[in-house]
PDB file of N, CA and C in Angstrom:
ATOM      1  N   UNK A   1       0.841  -1.172   0.000  1.00  0.00           N
ATOM      2  CA  UNK A   1       0.000   0.000   0.000  1.00  0.00           C
ATOM      3  C   UNK A   1       0.891   1.243   0.000  1.00  0.00           C
ATOM      4  N   UNK A   2       0.652   2.153  -0.908  1.00  0.00           N
ATOM      5  CA  UNK A   2       1.454   3.358  -1.065  1.00  0.00           C
ATOM      6  C   UNK A   2       1.014   4.435  -0.063  1.00  0.00           C
ATOM      7  N   UNK A   3       1.969   5.189   0.427  1.00  0.00           N
ATOM      8  CA  UNK A   3       1.704   6.267   1.392  1.00  0.00           C
ATOM      9  C   UNK A   3       1.446   7.562   0.612  1.00  0.00           C
ATOM     10  N   UNK A   4       0.216   8.093   0.626  1.00  0.00           N
ATOM     11  CA  UNK A   4      -0.113   9.264  -0.197  1.00  0.00           C
ATOM     12  C   UNK A   4       0.599  10.548   0.233  1.00  0.00           C
ATOM     13  N   UNK A   5       1.064  10.632   1.485  1.00  0.00           N
ATOM     14  CA  UNK A   5       1.739  11.846   1.949  1.00  0.00           C
ATOM     15  C   UNK A   5       3.184  11.918   1.467  1.00  0.00           C
ATOM     16  N   UNK A   6       3.745  10.777   1.133  1.00  0.00           N
ATOM     17  CA  UNK A   6       5.139  10.707   0.693  1.00  0.00           C
ATOM     18  C   UNK A   6       5.304  11.461  -0.622  1.00  0.00           C
ATOM     19  N   UNK A   7       6.273  12.346  -0.667  1.00  0.00           N
ATOM     20  CA  UNK A   7       6.537  13.103  -1.883  1.00  0.00           C
ATOM     21  C   UNK A   7       5.795  14.418  -1.991  1.00  0.00           C
ATOM     22  N   UNK A   8       4.891  14.701  -1.032  1.00  0.00           N
ATOM     23  CA  UNK A   8       4.203  15.989  -1.066  1.00  0.00           C
ATOM     24  C   UNK A   8       5.243  17.106  -1.008  1.00  0.00           C
ATOM     25  N   UNK A   9       5.096  18.096  -1.873  1.00  0.00           N
ATOM     26  CA  UNK A   9       6.007  19.238  -1.892  1.00  0.00           C
ATOM     27  C   UNK A   9       5.213  20.516  -1.687  1.00  0.00           C
ATOM     28  N   UNK A  10       5.731  21.383  -0.834  1.00  0.00           N
ATOM     29  CA  UNK A  10       5.151  22.702  -0.578  1.00  0.00           C
ATOM     30  C   UNK A  10       6.201  23.727  -0.981  1.00  0.00           C
ATOM     31  N   UNK A  11       5.768  24.775  -1.673  1.00  0.00           N
ATOM     32  CA  UNK A  11       6.682  25.830  -2.123  1.00  0.00           C
ATOM     33  C   UNK A  11       6.144  27.192  -1.705  1.00  0.00           C
ATOM     34  N   UNK A  12       7.028  28.018  -1.141  1.00  0.00           N
ATOM     35  CA  UNK A  12       6.723  29.415  -0.822  1.00  0.00           C
ATOM     36  C   UNK A  12       7.725  30.288  -1.566  1.00  0.00           C
ATOM     37  N   UNK A  13       7.294  31.468  -1.938  1.00  0.00           N
ATOM     38  CA  UNK A  13       8.223  32.482  -2.459  1.00  0.00           C
ATOM     39  C   UNK A  13       8.181  33.676  -1.521  1.00  0.00           C
ATOM     40  N   UNK A  14       9.353  34.253  -1.299  1.00  0.00           N
ATOM     41  CA  UNK A  14       9.448  35.347  -0.337  1.00  0.00           C
ATOM     42  C   UNK A  14      10.480  36.362  -0.797  1.00  0.00           C
ATOM     43  N   UNK A  15      10.121  37.631  -0.745  1.00  0.00           N
ATOM     44  CA  UNK A  15      11.071  38.725  -0.943  1.00  0.00           C
ATOM     45  C   UNK A  15      11.787  38.952   0.377  1.00  0.00           C
ATOM     46  N   UNK A  16      13.093  39.112   0.334  1.00  0.00           N
ATOM     47  CA  UNK A  16      13.879  39.346   1.548  1.00  0.00           C
ATOM     48  C   UNK A  16      14.044  40.854   1.726  1.00  0.00           C
ATOM     49  N   UNK A  17      13.356  41.459   2.701  1.00  0.00           N
ATOM     50  CA  UNK A  17      13.451  42.911   2.868  1.00  0.00           C
ATOM     51  C   UNK A  17      14.806  43.334   3.450  1.00  0.00           C
ATOM     52  N   UNK A  18      15.157  44.574   3.183  1.00  0.00           N
ATOM     53  CA  UNK A  18      16.430  45.097   3.683  1.00  0.00           C
ATOM     54  C   UNK A  18      16.461  45.144   5.212  1.00  0.00           C
ATOM     55  N   UNK A  19      15.313  45.152   5.843  1.00  0.00           N
ATOM     56  CA  UNK A  19      15.277  45.157   7.309  1.00  0.00           C
ATOM     57  C   UNK A  19      15.814  43.842   7.884  1.00  0.00           C
ATOM     58  N   UNK A  20      15.942  42.796   7.053  1.00  0.00           N
ATOM     59  CA  UNK A  20      16.474  41.519   7.524  1.00  0.00           C
ATOM     60  C   UNK A  20      17.967  41.354   7.264  1.00  0.00           C
ATOM     61  N   UNK A  21      18.588  42.354   6.641  1.00  0.00           N
ATOM     62  CA  UNK A  21      20.040  42.301   6.454  1.00  0.00           C
ATOM     63  C   UNK A  21      20.701  42.367   7.822  1.00  0.00           C
ATOM     64  N   UNK A  22      21.654  41.484   8.035  1.00  0.00           N
ATOM     65  CA  UNK A  22      22.245  41.368   9.359  1.00  0.00           C
ATOM     66  C   UNK A  22      23.746  41.650   9.361  1.00  0.00           C
ATOM     67  N   UNK A  23      24.384  41.506   8.228  1.00  0.00           N
ATOM     68  CA  UNK A  23      25.832  41.650   8.135  1.00  0.00           C
ATOM     69  C   UNK A  23      26.186  42.592   6.993  1.00  0.00           C
ATOM     70  N   UNK A  24      27.487  42.942   6.905  1.00  0.00           N
ATOM     71  CA  UNK A  24      27.971  43.785   5.828  1.00  0.00           C
ATOM     72  C   UNK A  24      27.583  43.225   4.463  1.00  0.00           C
ATOM     73  N   UNK A  25      27.424  44.123   3.509  1.00  0.00           N
ATOM     74  CA  UNK A  25      27.024  43.701   2.180  1.00  0.00           C
ATOM     75  C   UNK A  25      25.573  43.274   2.107  1.00  0.00           C
ATOM     76  N   UNK A  26      24.776  43.667   3.115  1.00  0.00           N
ATOM     77  CA  UNK A  26      23.348  43.318   3.192  1.00  0.00           C
ATOM     78  C   UNK A  26      23.107  41.812   3.275  1.00  0.00           C
ATOM     79  N   UNK A  27      24.064  41.085   3.815  1.00  0.00           N
ATOM     80  CA  UNK A  27      23.946  39.636   3.978  1.00  0.00           C
ATOM     81  C   UNK A  27      22.897  39.298   5.035  1.00  0.00           C
ATOM     82  N   UNK A  28      22.123  38.259   4.759  1.00  0.00           N
ATOM     83  CA  UNK A  28      21.066  37.794   5.661  1.00  0.00           C
ATOM     84  C   UNK A  28      21.593  36.590   6.439  1.00  0.00           C
ATOM     85  N   UNK A  29      21.310  36.522   7.728  1.00  0.00           N
ATOM     86  CA  UNK A  29      21.841  35.421   8.539  1.00  0.00           C
ATOM     87  C   UNK A  29      21.107  34.102   8.285  1.00  0.00           C
ATOM     88  N   UNK A  30      21.783  33.011   8.629  1.00  0.00           N
ATOM     89  CA  UNK A  30      21.246  31.674   8.399  1.00  0.00           C
ATOM     90  C   UNK A  30      19.978  31.380   9.166  1.00  0.00           C
ATOM     91  N   UNK A  31      19.795  31.996  10.322  1.00  0.00           N
ATOM     92  CA  UNK A  31      18.586  31.759  11.114  1.00  0.00           C
ATOM     93  C   UNK A  31      17.336  32.189  10.354  1.00  0.00           C
ATOM     94  N   UNK A  32      17.449  33.217   9.529  1.00  0.00           N
ATOM     95  CA  UNK A  32      16.317  33.656   8.704  1.00  0.00           C
ATOM     96  C   UNK A  32      15.877  32.527   7.778  1.00  0.00           C
ATOM     97  N   UNK A  33      16.855  31.834   7.204  1.00  0.00           N
ATOM     98  CA  UNK A  33      16.551  30.747   6.278  1.00  0.00           C
ATOM     99  C   UNK A  33      15.874  29.587   7.010  1.00  0.00           C
ATOM    100  N   UNK A  34      16.343  29.265   8.206  1.00  0.00           N
ATOM    101  CA  UNK A  34      15.718  28.185   8.974  1.00  0.00           C
ATOM    102  C   UNK A  34      14.276  28.529   9.327  1.00  0.00           C
ATOM    103  N   UNK A  35      13.999  29.798   9.561  1.00  0.00           N
ATOM    104  CA  UNK A  35      12.630  30.233   9.803  1.00  0.00           C
ATOM    105  C   UNK A  35      11.736  29.980   8.591  1.00  0.00           C
ATOM    106  N   UNK A  36      12.279  30.225   7.392  1.00  0.00           N
ATOM    107  CA  UNK A  36      11.511  29.950   6.174  1.00  0.00           C
ATOM    108  C   UNK A  36      11.259  28.453   6.015  1.00  0.00           C
ATOM    109  N   UNK A  37      12.250  27.641   6.368  1.00  0.00           N
ATOM    110  CA  UNK A  37      12.045  26.191   6.316  1.00  0.00           C
ATOM    111  C   UNK A  37      10.945  25.770   7.290  1.00  0.00           C
ATOM    112  N   UNK A  38      10.897  26.405   8.453  1.00  0.00           N
ATOM    113  CA  UNK A  38       9.831  26.113   9.403  1.00  0.00           C
ATOM    114  C   UNK A  38       8.458  26.467   8.840  1.00  0.00           C
ATOM    115  N   UNK A  39       8.385  27.548   8.062  1.00  0.00           N
ATOM    116  CA  UNK A  39       7.106  27.949   7.465  1.00  0.00           C
ATOM    117  C   UNK A  39       6.593  26.908   6.471  1.00  0.00           C
ATOM    118  N   UNK A  40       7.479  26.422   5.577  1.00  0.00           N
ATOM    119  CA  UNK A  40       7.010  25.433   4.597  1.00  0.00           C
ATOM    120  C   UNK A  40       6.718  24.101   5.273  1.00  0.00           C
ATOM    121  N   UNK A  41       7.468  23.761   6.328  1.00  0.00           N
ATOM    122  CA  UNK A  41       7.192  22.523   7.073  1.00  0.00           C
ATOM    123  C   UNK A  41       5.822  22.604   7.742  1.00  0.00           C
ATOM    124  N   UNK A  42       5.489  23.772   8.283  1.00  0.00           N
ATOM    125  CA  UNK A  42       4.183  23.952   8.911  1.00  0.00           C
ATOM    126  C   UNK A  42       3.065  23.714   7.913  1.00  0.00           C
ATOM    127  N   UNK A  43       3.188  24.298   6.720  1.00  0.00           N
ATOM    128  CA  UNK A  43       2.143  24.079   5.714  1.00  0.00           C
ATOM    129  C   UNK A  43       2.064  22.608   5.313  1.00  0.00           C
ATOM    130  N   UNK A  44       3.209  21.942   5.171  1.00  0.00           N
ATOM    131  CA  UNK A  44       3.204  20.516   4.823  1.00  0.00           C
ATOM    132  C   UNK A  44       2.457  19.702   5.882  1.00  0.00           C
ATOM    133  N   UNK A  45       2.707  20.005   7.157  1.00  0.00           N
ATOM    134  CA  UNK A  45       2.015  19.291   8.244  1.00  0.00           C
ATOM    135  C   UNK A  45       0.516  19.552   8.223  1.00  0.00           C
ATOM    136  N   UNK A  46       0.131  20.796   7.977  1.00  0.00           N
ATOM    137  CA  UNK A  46      -1.294  21.127   7.912  1.00  0.00           C
ATOM    138  C   UNK A  46      -1.946  20.360   6.767  1.00  0.00           C
ATOM    139  N   UNK A  47      -1.297  20.336   5.616  1.00  0.00           N
ATOM    140  CA  UNK A  47      -1.873  19.661   4.446  1.00  0.00           C
ATOM    141  C   UNK A  47      -1.998  18.150   4.653  1.00  0.00           C
ATOM    142  N   UNK A  48      -1.015  17.541   5.306  1.00  0.00           N
ATOM    143  CA  UNK A  48      -1.018  16.081   5.428  1.00  0.00           C
ATOM    144  C   UNK A  48      -1.682  15.574   6.694  1.00  0.00           C
ATOM    145  N   UNK A  49      -1.653  16.360   7.767  1.00  0.00           N
ATOM    146  CA  UNK A  49      -2.115  15.859   9.056  1.00  0.00           C
ATOM    147  C   UNK A  49      -3.125  16.758   9.760  1.00  0.00           C
ATOM    148  N   UNK A  50      -3.453  17.894   9.153  1.00  0.00           N
ATOM    149  CA  UNK A  50      -4.426  18.782   9.781  1.00  0.00           C
ATOM    150  C   UNK A  50      -3.942  19.407  11.072  1.00  0.00           C
ATOM    151  N   UNK A  51      -2.622  19.549  11.217  1.00  0.00           N
ATOM    152  CA  UNK A  51      -2.034  20.118  12.428  1.00  0.00           C
ATOM    153  C   UNK A  51      -0.730  20.795  12.040  1.00  0.00           C
ATOM    154  N   UNK A  52      -0.366  21.869  12.746  1.00  0.00           N
ATOM    155  CA  UNK A  52       0.876  22.579  12.427  1.00  0.00           C
ATOM    156  C   UNK A  52       2.122  21.742  12.697  1.00  0.00           C
ATOM    157  N   UNK A  53       2.034  20.775  13.587  1.00  0.00           N
ATOM    158  CA  UNK A  53       3.194  19.958  13.925  1.00  0.00           C
ATOM    159  C   UNK A  53       4.239  20.745  14.699  1.00  0.00           C
ATOM    160  N   UNK A  54       5.296  20.059  15.081  1.00  0.00           N
ATOM    161  CA  UNK A  54       6.416  20.667  15.805  1.00  0.00           C
ATOM    162  C   UNK A  54       7.714  20.213  15.156  1.00  0.00           C
ATOM    163  N   UNK A  55       8.640  21.150  14.973  1.00  0.00           N
ATOM    164  CA  UNK A  55       9.937  20.790  14.419  1.00  0.00           C
ATOM    165  C   UNK A  55      10.735  20.078  15.500  1.00  0.00           C
ATOM    166  N   UNK A  56      11.251  18.894  15.210  1.00  0.00           N
ATOM    167  CA  UNK A  56      12.019  18.126  16.186  1.00  0.00           C
ATOM    168  C   UNK A  56      13.513  18.333  16.016  1.00  0.00           C
ATOM    169  N   UNK A  57      13.991  18.314  14.767  1.00  0.00           N
ATOM    170  CA  UNK A  57      15.439  18.439  14.571  1.00  0.00           C
ATOM    171  C   UNK A  57      15.783  18.661  13.113  1.00  0.00           C
ATOM    172  N   UNK A  58      16.974  19.214  12.924  1.00  0.00           N
ATOM    173  CA  UNK A  58      17.624  19.210  11.617  1.00  0.00           C
ATOM    174  C   UNK A  58      18.726  18.172  11.687  1.00  0.00           C
ATOM    175  N   UNK A  59      18.852  17.349  10.667  1.00  0.00           N
ATOM    176  CA  UNK A  59      19.957  16.397  10.642  1.00  0.00           C
ATOM    177  C   UNK A  59      21.087  16.885   9.748  1.00  0.00           C
ATOM    178  N   UNK A  60      20.822  17.893   8.920  1.00  0.00           N
ATOM    179  CA  UNK A  60      21.851  18.431   8.039  1.00  0.00           C
ATOM    180  C   UNK A  60      21.393  19.795   7.540  1.00  0.00           C
ATOM    181  N   UNK A  61      22.283  20.772   7.569  1.00  0.00           N
ATOM    182  CA  UNK A  61      22.015  22.084   6.990  1.00  0.00           C
ATOM    183  C   UNK A  61      23.274  22.487   6.237  1.00  0.00           C
ATOM    184  N   UNK A  62      23.118  22.860   4.969  1.00  0.00           N
ATOM    185  CA  UNK A  62      24.247  23.276   4.137  1.00  0.00           C
ATOM    186  C   UNK A  62      23.989  24.686   3.611  1.00  0.00           C
ATOM    187  N   UNK A  63      24.830  25.631   4.019  1.00  0.00           N
ATOM    188  CA  UNK A  63      24.759  26.997   3.492  1.00  0.00           C
ATOM    189  C   UNK A  63      25.673  27.041   2.277  1.00  0.00           C
ATOM    190  N   UNK A  64      25.088  27.117   1.096  1.00  0.00           N
ATOM    191  CA  UNK A  64      25.817  26.941  -0.162  1.00  0.00           C
ATOM    192  C   UNK A  64      26.144  28.244  -0.877  1.00  0.00           C
ATOM    193  N   UNK A  65      25.330  29.262  -0.686  1.00  0.00           N
ATOM    194  CA  UNK A  65      25.540  30.546  -1.356  1.00  0.00           C
ATOM    195  C   UNK A  65      24.900  31.637  -0.502  1.00  0.00           C
ATOM    196  N   UNK A  66      25.401  32.863  -0.614  1.00  0.00           N
ATOM    197  CA  UNK A  66      24.839  33.929   0.221  1.00  0.00           C
ATOM    198  C   UNK A  66      23.422  34.298  -0.176  1.00  0.00           C
ATOM    199  N   UNK A  67      22.667  34.748   0.825  1.00  0.00           N
ATOM    200  CA  UNK A  67      21.357  35.340   0.619  1.00  0.00           C
ATOM    201  C   UNK A  67      21.489  36.790   1.058  1.00  0.00           C
ATOM    202  N   UNK A  68      21.062  37.708   0.186  1.00  0.00           N
ATOM    203  CA  UNK A  68      21.192  39.125   0.506  1.00  0.00           C
ATOM    204  C   UNK A  68      19.823  39.799   0.450  1.00  0.00           C
ATOM    205  N   UNK A  69      19.719  40.904   1.165  1.00  0.00           N
ATOM    206  CA  UNK A  69      18.494  41.693   1.123  1.00  0.00           C
ATOM    207  C   UNK A  69      18.215  42.066  -0.328  1.00  0.00           C
ATOM    208  N   UNK A  70      16.936  41.994  -0.698  1.00  0.00           N
ATOM    209  CA  UNK A  70      16.537  42.269  -2.065  1.00  0.00           C
ATOM    210  C   UNK A  70      16.379  41.016  -2.899  1.00  0.00           C
ATOM    211  N   UNK A  71      16.816  39.860  -2.373  1.00  0.00           N
ATOM    212  CA  UNK A  71      16.619  38.597  -3.083  1.00  0.00           C
ATOM    213  C   UNK A  71      15.151  38.194  -3.035  1.00  0.00           C
ATOM    214  N   UNK A  72      14.728  37.426  -4.035  1.00  0.00           N
ATOM    215  CA  UNK A  72      13.456  36.715  -3.984  1.00  0.00           C
ATOM    216  C   UNK A  72      13.824  35.238  -3.899  1.00  0.00           C
ATOM    217  N   UNK A  73      13.303  34.574  -2.887  1.00  0.00           N
ATOM    218  CA  UNK A  73      13.635  33.174  -2.623  1.00  0.00           C
ATOM    219  C   UNK A  73      12.456  32.269  -2.957  1.00  0.00           C
ATOM    220  N   UNK A  74      12.779  31.093  -3.434  1.00  0.00           N
ATOM    221  CA  UNK A  74      11.805  30.019  -3.587  1.00  0.00           C
ATOM    222  C   UNK A  74      12.227  28.932  -2.613  1.00  0.00           C
ATOM    223  N   UNK A  75      11.369  28.641  -1.653  1.00  0.00           N
ATOM    224  CA  UNK A  75      11.684  27.702  -0.577  1.00  0.00           C
ATOM    225  C   UNK A  75      10.755  26.502  -0.704  1.00  0.00           C
ATOM    226  N   UNK A  76      11.344  25.304  -0.775  1.00  0.00           N
ATOM    227  CA  UNK A  76      10.528  24.097  -0.922  1.00  0.00           C
ATOM    228  C   UNK A  76      10.803  23.113   0.203  1.00  0.00           C
ATOM    229  N   UNK A  77       9.786  22.308   0.467  1.00  0.00           N
ATOM    230  CA  UNK A  77       9.843  21.245   1.461  1.00  0.00           C
ATOM    231  C   UNK A  77       9.187  20.025   0.833  1.00  0.00           C
ATOM    232  N   UNK A  78       9.848  18.887   0.900  1.00  0.00           N
ATOM    233  CA  UNK A  78       9.289  17.645   0.378  1.00  0.00           C
ATOM    234  C   UNK A  78       9.324  16.591   1.469  1.00  0.00           C
ATOM    235  N   UNK A  79       8.201  15.898   1.655  1.00  0.00           N
ATOM    236  CA  UNK A  79       8.142  14.822   2.649  1.00  0.00           C
ATOM    237  C   UNK A  79       8.818  13.587   2.062  1.00  0.00           C
ATOM    238  N   UNK A  80       9.841  13.082   2.768  1.00  0.00           N
ATOM    239  CA  UNK A  80      10.613  11.938   2.267  1.00  0.00           C
ATOM    240  C   UNK A  80      10.384  10.652   3.055  1.00  0.00           C
ATOM    241  N   UNK A  81       9.811  10.789   4.267  1.00  0.00           N
ATOM    242  CA  UNK A  81       9.500   9.602   5.065  1.00  0.00           C
ATOM    243  C   UNK A  81       8.316   9.927   5.954  1.00  0.00           C
ATOM    244  N   UNK A  82       7.398   8.969   6.079  1.00  0.00           N
ATOM    245  CA  UNK A  82       6.232   9.132   6.943  1.00  0.00           C
ATOM    246  C   UNK A  82       6.244   8.015   7.969  1.00  0.00           C
ATOM    247  N   UNK A  83       6.410   8.413   9.240  1.00  0.00           N
ATOM    248  CA  UNK A  83       6.305   7.468  10.340  1.00  0.00           C
ATOM    249  C   UNK A  83       4.951   7.611  11.005  1.00  0.00           C
ATOM    250  N   UNK A  84       4.768   6.927  12.129  1.00  0.00           N
ATOM    251  CA  UNK A  84       3.496   7.014  12.838  1.00  0.00           C
ATOM    252  C   UNK A  84       3.198   8.448  13.258  1.00  0.00           C
ATOM    253  N   UNK A  85       4.174   9.127  13.863  1.00  0.00           N
ATOM    254  CA  UNK A  85       3.992  10.523  14.284  1.00  0.00           C
ATOM    255  C   UNK A  85       5.058  11.460  13.729  1.00  0.00           C
ATOM    256  N   UNK A  86       6.075  10.942  13.080  1.00  0.00           N
ATOM    257  CA  UNK A  86       7.153  11.795  12.574  1.00  0.00           C
ATOM    258  C   UNK A  86       7.166  11.800  11.051  1.00  0.00           C
ATOM    259  N   UNK A  87       7.699  12.875  10.517  1.00  0.00           N
ATOM    260  CA  UNK A  87       7.855  13.051   9.074  1.00  0.00           C
ATOM    261  C   UNK A  87       9.261  13.573   8.817  1.00  0.00           C
ATOM    262  N   UNK A  88       9.985  12.943   7.908  1.00  0.00           N
ATOM    263  CA  UNK A  88      11.274  13.475   7.482  1.00  0.00           C
ATOM    264  C   UNK A  88      11.046  14.353   6.262  1.00  0.00           C
ATOM    265  N   UNK A  89      11.773  15.470   6.223  1.00  0.00           N
ATOM    266  CA  UNK A  89      11.577  16.472   5.188  1.00  0.00           C
ATOM    267  C   UNK A  89      12.908  16.872   4.568  1.00  0.00           C
ATOM    268  N   UNK A  90      12.880  17.164   3.272  1.00  0.00           N
ATOM    269  CA  UNK A  90      14.026  17.768   2.595  1.00  0.00           C
ATOM    270  C   UNK A  90      13.644  19.195   2.238  1.00  0.00           C
ATOM    271  N   UNK A  91      14.590  20.113   2.451  1.00  0.00           N
ATOM    272  CA  UNK A  91      14.359  21.531   2.200  1.00  0.00           C
ATOM    273  C   UNK A  91      15.373  22.059   1.201  1.00  0.00           C
ATOM    274  N   UNK A  92      14.930  23.066   0.443  1.00  0.00           N
ATOM    275  CA  UNK A  92      15.851  23.758  -0.443  1.00  0.00           C
ATOM    276  C   UNK A  92      15.377  25.195  -0.589  1.00  0.00           C
ATOM    277  N   UNK A  93      16.311  26.133  -0.513  1.00  0.00           N
ATOM    278  CA  UNK A  93      16.019  27.549  -0.732  1.00  0.00           C
ATOM    279  C   UNK A  93      16.870  28.008  -1.909  1.00  0.00           C
ATOM    280  N   UNK A  94      16.185  28.521  -2.924  1.00  0.00           N
ATOM    281  CA  UNK A  94      16.867  29.003  -4.125  1.00  0.00           C
ATOM    282  C   UNK A  94      16.635  30.498  -4.274  1.00  0.00           C
ATOM    283  N   UNK A  95      17.668  31.205  -4.693  1.00  0.00           N
ATOM    284  CA  UNK A  95      17.538  32.614  -5.056  1.00  0.00           C
ATOM    285  C   UNK A  95      17.068  32.639  -6.510  1.00  0.00           C
ATOM    286  N   UNK A  96      15.891  33.246  -6.759  1.00  0.00           N
ATOM    287  CA  UNK A  96      15.354  33.308  -8.119  1.00  0.00           C
ATOM    288  C   UNK A  96      15.447  34.722  -8.710  1.00  0.00           C
ATOM    289  N   UNK A  97      15.538  35.736  -7.850  1.00  0.00           N
ATOM    290  CA  UNK A  97      15.762  37.122  -8.276  1.00  0.00           C
ATOM    291  C   UNK A  97      16.796  37.723  -7.338  1.00  0.00           C
ATOM    292  N   UNK A  98      17.602  38.648  -7.856  1.00  0.00           N
ATOM    293  CA  UNK A  98      18.645  39.245  -7.024  1.00  0.00           C
ATOM    294  C   UNK A  98      18.699  40.748  -7.251  1.00  0.00           C
ATOM    295  N   UNK A  99      18.844  41.469  -6.148  1.00  0.00           N
ATOM    296  CA  UNK A  99      19.036  42.922  -6.212  1.00  0.00           C
ATOM    297  C   UNK A  99      20.350  43.226  -6.928  1.00  0.00           C
ATOM    298  N   UNK A 100      20.385  44.355  -7.619  1.00  0.00           N
ATOM    299  CA  UNK A 100      21.610  44.813  -8.284  1.00  0.00           C
ATOM    300  C   UNK A 100      21.841  46.279  -7.931  1.00  0.00           C
ATOM    301  N   UNK A 101      22.230  46.540  -6.675  1.00  0.00           N
ATOM    302  CA  UNK A 101      22.366  47.924  -6.221  1.00  0.00           C
ATOM    303  C   UNK A 101      23.404  48.720  -7.013  1.00  0.00           C
ATOM    304  N   UNK A 102      24.340  48.053  -7.656  1.00  0.00           N
ATOM    305  CA  UNK A 102      25.336  48.761  -8.462  1.00  0.00           C
ATOM    306  C   UNK A 102      24.698  49.442  -9.682  1.00  0.00           C
ATOM    307  N   UNK A 103      23.514  48.980 -10.112  1.00  0.00           N
ATOM    308  CA  UNK A 103      22.782  49.599 -11.227  1.00  0.00           C
ATOM    309  C   UNK A 103      21.832  50.685 -10.751  1.00  0.00           C
ATOM    310  N   UNK A 104      21.493  50.679  -9.467  1.00  0.00           N
ATOM    311  CA  UNK A 104      20.571  51.661  -8.916  1.00  0.00           C
ATOM    312  C   UNK A 104      19.954  51.122  -7.646  1.00  0.00           C
ATOM    313  N   UNK A 105      19.382  52.000  -6.817  1.00  0.00           N
ATOM    314  CA  UNK A 105      18.897  51.568  -5.501  1.00  0.00           C
ATOM    315  C   UNK A 105      17.748  50.562  -5.537  1.00  0.00           C
ATOM    316  N   UNK A 106      17.006  50.499  -6.631  1.00  0.00           N
ATOM    317  CA  UNK A 106      15.902  49.540  -6.694  1.00  0.00           C
ATOM    318  C   UNK A 106      16.052  48.546  -7.852  1.00  0.00           C
ATOM    319  N   UNK A 107      17.233  48.491  -8.446  1.00  0.00           N
ATOM    320  CA  UNK A 107      17.459  47.598  -9.588  1.00  0.00           C
ATOM    321  C   UNK A 107      17.552  46.145  -9.127  1.00  0.00           C
ATOM    322  N   UNK A 108      16.998  45.256  -9.944  1.00  0.00           N
ATOM    323  CA  UNK A 108      17.041  43.824  -9.647  1.00  0.00           C
ATOM    324  C   UNK A 108      16.899  43.068 -10.958  1.00  0.00           C
ATOM    325  N   UNK A 109      17.189  41.770 -10.912  1.00  0.00           N
ATOM    326  CA  UNK A 109      17.127  40.940 -12.103  1.00  0.00           C
ATOM    327  C   UNK A 109      16.587  39.560 -11.742  1.00  0.00           C
ATOM    328  N   UNK A 110      15.848  38.963 -12.667  1.00  0.00           N
ATOM    329  CA  UNK A 110      15.449  37.564 -12.534  1.00  0.00           C
ATOM    330  C   UNK A 110      16.645  36.735 -12.995  1.00  0.00           C
ATOM    331  N   UNK A 111      17.093  35.804 -12.182  1.00  0.00           N
ATOM    332  CA  UNK A 111      18.258  34.987 -12.534  1.00  0.00           C
ATOM    333  C   UNK A 111      17.893  33.970 -13.613  1.00  0.00           C
ATOM    334  N   UNK A 112      18.776  33.794 -14.587  1.00  0.00           N
ATOM    335  CA  UNK A 112      18.558  32.781 -15.624  1.00  0.00           C
ATOM    336  C   UNK A 112      18.480  31.394 -15.009  1.00  0.00           C
ATOM    337  N   UNK A 113      19.367  31.136 -14.077  1.00  0.00           N
ATOM    338  CA  UNK A 113      19.391  29.861 -13.346  1.00  0.00           C
ATOM    339  C   UNK A 113      19.312  30.178 -11.859  1.00  0.00           C
ATOM    340  N   UNK A 114      18.290  29.677 -11.154  1.00  0.00           N
ATOM    341  CA  UNK A 114      18.234  29.900  -9.706  1.00  0.00           C
ATOM    342  C   UNK A 114      19.494  29.364  -9.018  1.00  0.00           C
ATOM    343  N   UNK A 115      19.868  30.015  -7.930  1.00  0.00           N
ATOM    344  CA  UNK A 115      21.043  29.627  -7.154  1.00  0.00           C
ATOM    345  C   UNK A 115      20.573  28.941  -5.880  1.00  0.00           C
ATOM    346  N   UNK A 116      21.011  27.701  -5.661  1.00  0.00           N
ATOM    347  CA  UNK A 116      20.673  27.010  -4.412  1.00  0.00           C
ATOM    348  C   UNK A 116      21.501  27.645  -3.302  1.00  0.00           C
ATOM    349  N   UNK A 117      20.815  28.296  -2.367  1.00  0.00           N
ATOM    350  CA  UNK A 117      21.487  28.994  -1.274  1.00  0.00           C
ATOM    351  C   UNK A 117      21.627  28.114  -0.041  1.00  0.00           C
ATOM    352  N   UNK A 118      20.575  27.356   0.290  1.00  0.00           N
ATOM    353  CA  UNK A 118      20.588  26.524   1.493  1.00  0.00           C
ATOM    354  C   UNK A 118      19.818  25.241   1.203  1.00  0.00           C
ATOM    355  N   UNK A 119      20.353  24.126   1.693  1.00  0.00           N
ATOM    356  CA  UNK A 119      19.611  22.866   1.668  1.00  0.00           C
ATOM    357  C   UNK A 119      19.689  22.248   3.055  1.00  0.00           C
ATOM    358  N   UNK A 120      18.689  21.442   3.373  1.00  0.00           N
ATOM    359  CA  UNK A 120      18.647  20.853   4.718  1.00  0.00           C
ATOM    360  C   UNK A 120      17.736  19.620   4.716  1.00  0.00           C
ATOM    361  N   UNK A 121      17.884  18.824   5.740  1.00  0.00           N
ATOM    362  CA  UNK A 121      16.940  17.747   6.036  1.00  0.00           C
ATOM    363  C   UNK A 121      16.531  17.917   7.496  1.00  0.00           C
ATOM    364  N   UNK A 122      15.305  17.541   7.797  1.00  0.00           N
ATOM    365  CA  UNK A 122      14.824  17.688   9.160  1.00  0.00           C
ATOM    366  C   UNK A 122      13.670  16.759   9.449  1.00  0.00           C
ATOM    367  N   UNK A 123      13.254  16.771  10.705  1.00  0.00           N
ATOM    368  CA  UNK A 123      12.163  15.919  11.163  1.00  0.00           C
ATOM    369  C   UNK A 123      11.151  16.747  11.922  1.00  0.00           C
ATOM    370  N   UNK A 124       9.867  16.518  11.611  1.00  0.00           N
ATOM    371  CA  UNK A 124       8.776  17.144  12.348  1.00  0.00           C
ATOM    372  C   UNK A 124       7.961  16.038  13.019  1.00  0.00           C
ATOM    373  N   UNK A 125       7.257  16.428  14.068  1.00  0.00           N
ATOM    374  CA  UNK A 125       6.391  15.484  14.791  1.00  0.00           C
ATOM    375  C   UNK A 125       4.983  16.079  14.795  1.00  0.00           C
ATOM    376  N   UNK A 126       4.011  15.219  14.518  1.00  0.00           N
ATOM    377  CA  UNK A 126       2.602  15.630  14.542  1.00  0.00           C
ATOM    378  C   UNK A 126       1.852  14.772  15.548  1.00  0.00           C
ATOM    379  N   UNK A 127       0.778  15.316  16.146  1.00  0.00           N
ATOM    380  CA  UNK A 127       0.050  14.524  17.147  1.00  0.00           C
ATOM    381  C   UNK A 127      -0.644  13.301  16.536  1.00  0.00           C
TER     382      UNK A 127
END
C-alpha cells in the first residue's frame, strides 16, 4: 500500500526585505533561512495531518551561497519519510531574483538559473 503523503512538496516564495540584512554587504543570517524552512514545514504538516506539527530536529544544513536583502527566494519542502507521528523532510532555498544595487537603488534581475542557497533535512512530529 502506497503512502499518499510521501513526496508531497510545498513551495513558498518570499522577498527578503532590507530590514532583515544582518551583516555587511546586506547579507542575511542563516537563522532567517531556517525560519523559512519552518514555514514550509508547517504548511506541509497542515496539508497532510491537519495540524501545524512541531519541528524536532535538523539532521543536516548546508549553506551553499549567500542570501542578501533584495533577493526573492523560492523555498521548498518535500516529505521523504512518513512514520506514525514523525515526518522526514528535505528543504531547499533558491535565489530566483537578485538585487543589483550597483545599477541603482531599486534595480534587480530575474536569474537565468536559480542559485541554491541553502539545503537541509529535518524531522517534524505531529500529534
